[in-house]
Amino acid sequence: MSESAGEKTEQATPRKMEEALKHGQIPRSAEVQTVFVLMASLAALMFSGAETWRLLVGAMQMTLGHLYDTPLSTTSLQGYAISGTLLLLKCVGPVVLATMAGGLVAGGIQSRFQTASEALTPDWTRINPVTGFQRVFSARMLAPTAIAITKFTFIIALTWSEVRSILSDPIFTTSVSTAHLAGFLAQTCLRIVFRVALGLLVIAGADYGYQWWRTNKDLMMTKEEVKEDTKNAEGNPRMKAARRRRRRTISKAKALAEVPKADVVVTNPTHIAVALRYQRGTMKAPQIVAKGIRLNAQMIREIAQQHQVPIVENKPLARLLFKHGRVGGEIPAHLYAAVAEVLAWVYRVNRYRYYAEQNQTPN
């Protein structure tokens, strides 16, 4: 059976992947975000927990120990409100900052720290309640709902043994100090949160893998779409041909403009023409300033005749220079000797011409 023309069987092209990144259509897992936020807040509590406890104990002692002589007025109440706000910021600030940093890092890692510009543009359909209800109760949400129930069950099973051991601890049936109770609560909470974090880490890895698979599946293309995308990426063939012709025209014009500066033009005699230039002390080897065949070769010869550039007929050398040399580059090394003979002849001719114009003879 032949493959359906509209079946999406091809991987997304790099161009479509870039477009998807602009629209924010990238693998993104909420579980990865949760793990980073939880780990960051847990680390903040571990580093700042003792200081937070000390601040709270000091505030309670100061408040309860001086209730009998605490003045109550408009000014004092404002002072108490400011002091309480500062105390709250000192206690909660590290956790809030760590949580924000964890969320930003998790989002940056998943998006490769690239901003989806088009995803940030306002889209009022996102806040449409009808569209929201349709999205929540769609068949596509059945899988996330089932996964959420599975995750909840997994977390309960992972932490149940720890919760049972905590509930059976003798601290609930004996009299203990406030400090001991606070330490017990802190340790038990850390143990439970640590187990939850480990469980969420496993879930986040599986969920991100699923999101990666689903995103790539959604971005898959048909063979016709791949051909069309490739054509758009490479550009219209007619436009490309026009650009190539324009580049060739510009290059030819630049090359012909260099012909008057050439020392010699080697011809075939009419089929090929190659213009050479050599400056002692500044060039390691002679350079090809222009080359052409047929009509271009004729134009090079005409320009050379107009500017009295010597023209030398050497069929084998002309063919080799045209085949192996490039305009603006040095001649091939295996042609040094042949070109040197041509240039030596040109220099001798120019020298005798100079003395003839001066009505002198060379020594």
Protein backbone atom coordinates (compact mmCIF):
# COMPACT_ATOMS: atom_id res chain seq x y z
CA MET A 1 0.00 0.00 0.00
CA SER A 2 1.42 3.39 -0.94
CA GLU A 3 2.01 5.90 1.79
CA SER A 4 -0.64 8.58 2.21
CA ALA A 5 0.44 11.94 0.85
CA GLY A 6 -0.87 13.76 3.92
CA GLU A 7 0.71 11.50 6.52
CA LYS A 8 3.29 13.18 8.72
CA THR A 9 6.25 10.82 8.59
CA GLU A 10 9.21 13.22 8.29
CA GLN A 11 11.15 14.92 11.08
CA ALA A 12 10.84 18.68 11.34
CA THR A 13 13.35 20.68 9.31
CA PRO A 14 15.75 23.09 11.06
CA ARG A 15 13.74 26.02 9.68
CA LYS A 16 10.52 24.72 11.23
CA MET A 17 12.33 24.06 14.52
CA GLU A 18 13.44 27.71 14.57
CA GLU A 19 9.89 28.86 13.87
CA ALA A 20 8.60 26.61 16.67
CA LEU A 21 11.13 28.13 19.06
CA LYS A 22 9.94 31.63 18.15
CA HIS A 23 6.37 30.59 18.93
CA GLY A 24 7.40 28.96 22.22
CA GLN A 25 6.57 25.47 20.95
CA ILE A 26 9.36 23.64 22.75
CA PRO A 27 9.48 20.66 25.12
CA ARG A 28 8.46 22.07 28.48
CA SER A 29 7.69 20.07 31.61
CA ALA A 30 5.96 21.56 34.63
CA GLU A 31 7.54 18.81 36.74
CA VAL A 32 11.05 20.07 35.94
CA GLN A 33 9.91 23.50 37.10
CA THR A 34 8.51 22.02 40.29
CA VAL A 35 11.69 20.09 41.08
CA PHE A 36 13.92 23.15 40.64
CA VAL A 37 11.61 25.32 42.73
CA LEU A 38 11.37 22.70 45.48
CA MET A 39 15.12 22.07 45.55
CA ALA A 40 15.88 25.79 45.63
CA SER A 41 13.44 26.46 48.47
CA LEU A 42 14.75 23.44 50.40
CA ALA A 43 18.33 24.67 50.03
CA ALA A 44 17.28 28.14 51.21
CA LEU A 45 15.57 26.67 54.28
CA MET A 46 18.64 24.58 55.11
CA PHE A 47 20.97 27.58 54.91
CA SER A 48 18.71 30.20 56.50
CA GLY A 49 16.51 28.04 58.75
CA ALA A 50 18.57 28.55 61.90
CA GLU A 51 18.70 32.30 61.46
CA THR A 52 14.97 32.42 60.71
CA TRP A 53 14.24 30.46 63.90
CA ARG A 54 16.46 32.80 65.92
CA LEU A 55 14.66 35.86 64.54
CA LEU A 56 11.22 34.42 65.24
CA VAL A 57 12.15 33.38 68.79
CA GLY A 58 13.60 36.81 69.48
CA ALA A 59 10.49 38.53 68.13
CA MET A 60 8.16 36.33 70.20
CA GLN A 61 10.17 36.90 73.38
CA MET A 62 10.24 40.64 72.79
CA THR A 63 6.49 40.77 72.07
CA LEU A 64 5.17 38.43 74.80
CA GLY A 65 7.66 39.58 77.42
CA HIS A 66 6.63 43.22 77.20
CA LEU A 67 2.87 43.05 76.66
CA TYR A 68 2.18 44.76 80.00
CA ASP A 69 4.20 47.87 79.20
CA THR A 70 3.74 48.11 75.41
CA PRO A 71 2.32 51.53 74.48
CA LEU A 72 -0.53 51.58 71.99
CA SER A 73 -0.89 54.62 69.78
CA THR A 74 -1.13 55.50 66.14
CA THR A 75 2.60 56.15 65.89
CA SER A 76 3.56 52.99 67.80
CA LEU A 77 1.23 50.80 65.75
CA GLN A 78 2.83 52.10 62.57
CA GLY A 79 6.24 51.26 64.00
CA TYR A 80 5.07 47.76 64.96
CA ALA A 81 3.73 47.22 61.42
CA ILE A 82 7.01 48.32 59.83
CA SER A 83 9.04 46.14 62.22
CA GLY A 84 6.79 43.15 61.54
CA THR A 85 7.08 43.65 57.78
CA LEU A 86 10.88 43.83 57.95
CA LEU A 87 10.94 40.71 60.11
CA LEU A 88 8.73 38.90 57.60
CA LEU A 89 10.99 39.93 54.73
CA LYS A 90 14.07 38.67 56.59
CA CYS A 91 12.43 35.31 57.28
CA VAL A 92 10.66 34.74 53.98
CA GLY A 93 12.95 36.68 51.64
CA PRO A 94 15.67 34.01 51.14
CA VAL A 95 13.08 31.34 50.36
CA VAL A 96 11.19 33.58 47.93
CA LEU A 97 14.36 34.65 46.13
CA ALA A 98 15.61 31.06 45.91
CA THR A 99 12.24 29.93 44.58
CA MET A 100 12.23 32.63 41.90
CA ALA A 101 15.81 31.79 40.91
CA GLY A 102 14.97 28.07 40.68
CA GLY A 103 11.96 28.76 38.48
CA LEU A 104 13.95 31.05 36.18
CA VAL A 105 16.81 28.56 35.85
CA ALA A 106 14.40 25.70 35.09
CA GLY A 107 12.62 27.75 32.44
CA GLY A 108 15.91 28.91 30.93
CA ILE A 109 17.30 25.38 30.69
CA GLN A 110 14.20 24.08 28.95
CA SER A 111 14.08 27.00 26.49
CA ARG A 112 17.89 27.01 26.00
CA PHE A 113 17.85 30.53 27.47
CA GLN A 114 16.19 31.88 24.32
CA THR A 115 13.19 34.18 24.46
CA ALA A 116 10.16 33.20 22.40
CA SER A 117 9.30 36.69 21.16
CA GLU A 118 6.07 35.75 19.42
CA ALA A 119 4.90 33.73 22.42
CA LEU A 120 5.09 36.90 24.55
CA THR A 121 2.72 38.87 22.33
CA PRO A 122 -0.80 39.31 23.78
CA ASP A 123 -3.25 36.61 22.73
CA TRP A 124 -6.74 37.26 24.08
CA THR A 125 -7.94 33.78 23.13
CA ARG A 126 -5.85 32.42 26.00
CA ILE A 127 -8.12 34.08 28.55
CA ASN A 128 -11.34 33.17 26.76
CA PRO A 129 -13.31 31.05 29.32
CA VAL A 130 -15.06 29.02 26.61
CA THR A 131 -11.76 28.10 25.00
CA GLY A 132 -10.32 27.35 28.44
CA PHE A 133 -13.14 24.94 29.34
CA GLN A 134 -12.83 23.24 25.97
CA ARG A 135 -9.12 22.80 26.54
CA VAL A 136 -9.56 21.47 30.10
CA PHE A 137 -12.23 18.95 29.19
CA SER A 138 -10.74 17.88 25.86
CA ALA A 139 -9.50 14.37 25.12
CA ARG A 140 -5.95 15.71 25.04
CA MET A 141 -6.17 16.44 28.79
CA LEU A 142 -7.07 12.86 29.70
CA ALA A 143 -3.45 11.76 29.60
CA PRO A 144 -2.16 14.64 31.82
CA THR A 145 -4.97 13.98 34.30
CA ALA A 146 -4.13 10.30 34.50
CA ILE A 147 -0.45 11.15 34.87
CA ALA A 148 -1.25 13.61 37.70
CA ILE A 149 -3.22 10.92 39.59
CA THR A 150 -0.35 8.46 39.07
CA LYS A 151 2.17 11.02 40.34
CA PHE A 152 0.09 11.72 43.44
CA THR A 153 -0.20 7.99 44.17
CA PHE A 154 3.53 7.53 43.65
CA ILE A 155 4.40 10.37 46.04
CA ILE A 156 2.02 9.03 48.72
CA ALA A 157 3.52 5.54 48.43
CA LEU A 158 7.05 6.94 48.60
CA THR A 159 6.44 9.02 51.73
CA TRP A 160 3.92 6.80 53.58
CA SER A 161 6.56 4.82 55.47
CA GLU A 162 8.24 8.03 56.63
CA VAL A 163 4.90 9.52 57.75
CA ARG A 164 4.07 6.35 59.72
CA SER A 165 7.41 6.42 61.52
CA ILE A 166 6.90 10.08 62.40
CA LEU A 167 3.39 9.49 63.76
CA SER A 168 4.64 6.68 65.97
CA ASP A 169 7.42 8.82 67.47
CA PRO A 170 7.22 9.14 71.32
CA ILE A 171 7.35 12.92 71.05
CA PHE A 172 3.56 12.94 70.59
CA THR A 173 2.97 11.22 73.96
CA THR A 174 5.59 12.94 76.13
CA SER A 175 6.22 16.45 77.31
CA VAL A 176 9.07 18.15 75.44
CA SER A 177 10.43 21.64 75.19
CA THR A 178 9.48 24.02 72.43
CA ALA A 179 13.00 23.98 71.01
CA HIS A 180 13.01 20.17 70.86
CA LEU A 181 9.60 20.15 69.18
CA ALA A 182 10.75 22.72 66.62
CA GLY A 183 13.87 20.70 65.85
CA PHE A 184 11.79 17.54 65.47
CA LEU A 185 9.37 19.26 63.08
CA ALA A 186 12.23 20.69 61.04
CA GLN A 187 13.98 17.31 60.70
CA THR A 188 10.82 15.40 59.83
CA CYS A 189 9.74 18.01 57.28
CA LEU A 190 13.15 17.92 55.64
CA ARG A 191 13.06 14.11 55.42
CA ILE A 192 9.59 14.13 53.86
CA VAL A 193 10.42 16.95 51.46
CA PHE A 194 13.65 15.20 50.47
CA ARG A 195 11.73 12.02 49.60
CA VAL A 196 9.16 14.03 47.69
CA ALA A 197 11.95 15.80 45.78
CA LEU A 198 13.56 12.48 44.81
CA GLY A 199 10.23 11.15 43.62
CA LEU A 200 9.53 14.32 41.66
CA LEU A 201 12.99 14.12 40.11
CA VAL A 202 12.17 10.70 38.64
CA ILE A 203 8.76 11.93 37.50
CA ALA A 204 10.28 15.08 35.98
CA GLY A 205 12.73 13.04 33.90
CA ALA A 206 9.95 10.81 32.59
CA ASP A 207 7.62 13.76 31.95
CA TYR A 208 10.26 15.77 30.09
CA GLY A 209 10.99 12.75 27.91
CA TYR A 210 7.29 12.48 27.14
CA GLN A 211 7.02 16.22 26.39
CA TRP A 212 10.04 15.96 24.06
CA TRP A 213 8.45 13.05 22.21
CA ARG A 214 5.06 14.76 21.95
CA THR A 215 6.54 18.07 20.75
CA ASN A 216 8.62 16.34 18.06
CA LYS A 217 5.56 14.34 17.03
CA ASP A 218 3.47 17.51 16.76
CA LEU A 219 6.18 19.15 14.63
CA MET A 220 6.50 16.25 12.19
CA MET A 221 5.85 17.12 8.56
CA THR A 222 4.62 15.47 5.42
CA LYS A 223 7.00 14.92 2.52
CA GLU A 224 5.32 17.72 0.60
CA GLU A 225 5.77 20.10 3.53
CA VAL A 226 9.46 19.19 3.72
CA LYS A 227 9.91 19.89 0.01
CA GLU A 228 8.08 23.21 0.30
CA ASP A 229 10.05 24.23 3.38
CA THR A 230 13.34 23.33 1.69
CA LYS A 231 12.34 25.34 -1.36
CA ASN A 232 11.47 28.36 0.80
CA ALA A 233 14.72 28.04 2.74
CA GLU A 234 16.83 27.91 -0.40
CA GLY A 235 14.84 30.62 -2.13
CA ASN A 236 13.07 30.79 -5.47
CA PRO A 237 15.23 29.13 -8.20
CA ARG A 238 14.60 32.05 -10.55
CA MET A 239 15.63 34.54 -7.90
CA LYS A 240 18.76 32.52 -7.14
CA ALA A 241 19.66 32.40 -10.84
CA ALA A 242 19.12 36.15 -11.11
CA ARG A 243 21.37 36.76 -8.10
CA ARG A 244 24.05 34.53 -9.60
CA ARG A 245 23.89 36.42 -12.91
CA ARG A 246 24.11 39.72 -11.07
CA ARG A 247 27.15 38.53 -9.10
CA ARG A 248 28.83 37.30 -12.26
CA THR A 249 28.17 40.63 -13.98
CA ILE A 250 29.66 42.57 -11.08
CA SER A 251 32.68 40.25 -10.87
CA LYS A 252 33.25 40.50 -14.62
CA ALA A 253 33.06 44.29 -14.51
CA LYS A 254 35.59 44.41 -11.67
CA ALA A 255 37.92 42.03 -13.51
CA LEU A 256 37.74 44.01 -16.77
CA ALA A 257 38.54 47.18 -14.85
CA GLU A 258 41.83 45.57 -13.77
CA VAL A 259 42.93 44.68 -17.31
CA PRO A 260 44.62 48.09 -17.96
CA LYS A 261 46.84 47.44 -14.93
CA ALA A 262 47.99 44.05 -16.27
CA ASP A 263 51.53 43.42 -17.48
CA VAL A 264 50.54 40.90 -20.16
CA VAL A 265 47.53 39.10 -21.65
CA VAL A 266 48.05 35.45 -22.61
CA THR A 267 45.68 34.25 -25.38
CA ASN A 268 44.68 31.06 -27.19
CA PRO A 269 44.60 33.21 -29.49
CA THR A 270 40.87 34.05 -29.79
CA HIS A 271 39.14 31.50 -27.59
CA ILE A 272 40.80 32.26 -24.23
CA ALA A 273 42.41 35.35 -22.68
CA VAL A 274 44.11 35.60 -19.28
CA ALA A 275 45.48 38.92 -17.94
CA LEU A 276 48.48 38.72 -15.56
CA ARG A 277 50.14 41.26 -13.29
CA TYR A 278 53.31 41.06 -11.23
CA GLN A 279 54.90 43.64 -8.93
CA ARG A 280 58.32 42.88 -7.54
CA GLY A 281 58.65 43.27 -3.79
CA THR A 282 54.91 43.24 -3.11
CA MET A 283 53.79 40.00 -4.77
CA LYS A 284 55.15 36.53 -4.12
CA ALA A 285 54.00 35.36 -7.55
CA PRO A 286 52.15 36.78 -10.57
CA GLN A 287 48.40 37.17 -10.13
CA ILE A 288 45.48 36.62 -12.52
CA VAL A 289 43.55 39.88 -12.70
CA ALA A 290 41.04 38.76 -15.38
CA LYS A 291 40.21 35.77 -17.52
CA GLY A 292 37.51 34.88 -20.01
CA ILE A 293 36.45 32.81 -22.96
CA ARG A 294 34.81 33.69 -26.28
CA LEU A 295 33.14 37.12 -25.95
CA ASN A 296 34.81 37.89 -22.62
CA ALA A 297 38.18 36.97 -24.08
CA GLN A 298 37.56 39.36 -26.96
CA MET A 299 36.67 42.15 -24.52
CA ILE A 300 39.88 41.54 -22.55
CA ARG A 301 41.98 41.73 -25.75
CA GLU A 302 40.25 44.93 -26.86
CA ILE A 303 40.83 46.62 -23.50
CA ALA A 304 44.47 45.46 -23.55
CA GLN A 305 44.98 46.93 -27.04
CA GLN A 306 43.39 50.23 -25.98
CA HIS A 307 45.81 50.54 -23.04
CA GLN A 308 48.85 49.11 -24.86
CA VAL A 309 49.06 45.99 -22.68
CA PRO A 310 51.21 43.36 -24.46
CA ILE A 311 49.28 40.36 -25.84
CA VAL A 312 51.16 37.05 -26.08
CA GLU A 313 49.77 34.00 -27.88
CA ASN A 314 50.55 30.80 -25.98
CA LYS A 315 47.82 28.19 -26.37
CA PRO A 316 48.97 25.60 -23.77
CA LEU A 317 49.75 28.26 -21.15
CA ALA A 318 46.45 30.08 -21.73
CA ARG A 319 44.45 26.86 -21.32
CA LEU A 320 46.30 25.88 -18.13
CA LEU A 321 45.97 29.35 -16.60
CA PHE A 322 42.25 29.45 -17.37
CA LYS A 323 41.64 25.94 -16.01
CA HIS A 324 43.72 26.01 -12.83
CA GLY A 325 43.86 29.71 -11.92
CA ARG A 326 41.26 31.98 -10.35
CA VAL A 327 40.73 35.70 -10.71
CA GLY A 328 42.44 37.57 -7.89
CA GLY A 329 44.65 34.62 -6.98
CA GLU A 330 48.24 33.69 -7.71
CA ILE A 331 49.12 31.50 -10.66
CA PRO A 332 49.62 27.77 -9.93
CA ALA A 333 53.14 26.85 -8.83
CA HIS A 334 53.73 24.46 -11.75
CA LEU A 335 53.28 27.37 -14.18
CA TYR A 336 55.90 29.66 -12.61
CA ALA A 337 58.58 28.88 -15.21
CA ALA A 338 56.32 29.34 -18.25
CA VAL A 339 54.89 32.62 -16.93
CA ALA A 340 58.39 33.85 -16.02
CA GLU A 341 59.50 33.40 -19.65
CA VAL A 342 56.51 35.39 -20.87
CA LEU A 343 57.09 38.21 -18.36
CA ALA A 344 60.82 38.31 -19.18
CA TRP A 345 59.99 38.75 -22.87
CA VAL A 346 57.49 41.51 -22.00
CA TYR A 347 60.05 43.33 -19.87
CA ARG A 348 62.62 43.18 -22.70
CA VAL A 349 60.11 44.50 -25.21
CA ASN A 350 59.09 47.33 -22.90
CA ARG A 351 62.72 48.24 -22.26
CA TYR A 352 63.60 48.44 -25.96
CA ARG A 353 60.41 50.42 -26.58
CA TYR A 354 61.39 52.87 -23.86
CA TYR A 355 64.86 53.42 -25.33
CA ALA A 356 63.40 53.73 -28.82
CA GLU A 357 61.07 56.48 -27.62
CA GLN A 358 64.04 58.26 -26.06
CA ASN A 359 66.13 57.81 -29.28
CA GLN A 360 68.68 55.87 -27.29
CA THR A 361 70.10 52.36 -27.48
CA PRO A 362 70.56 50.11 -24.51
CA ASN A 363 74.03 49.38 -23.25
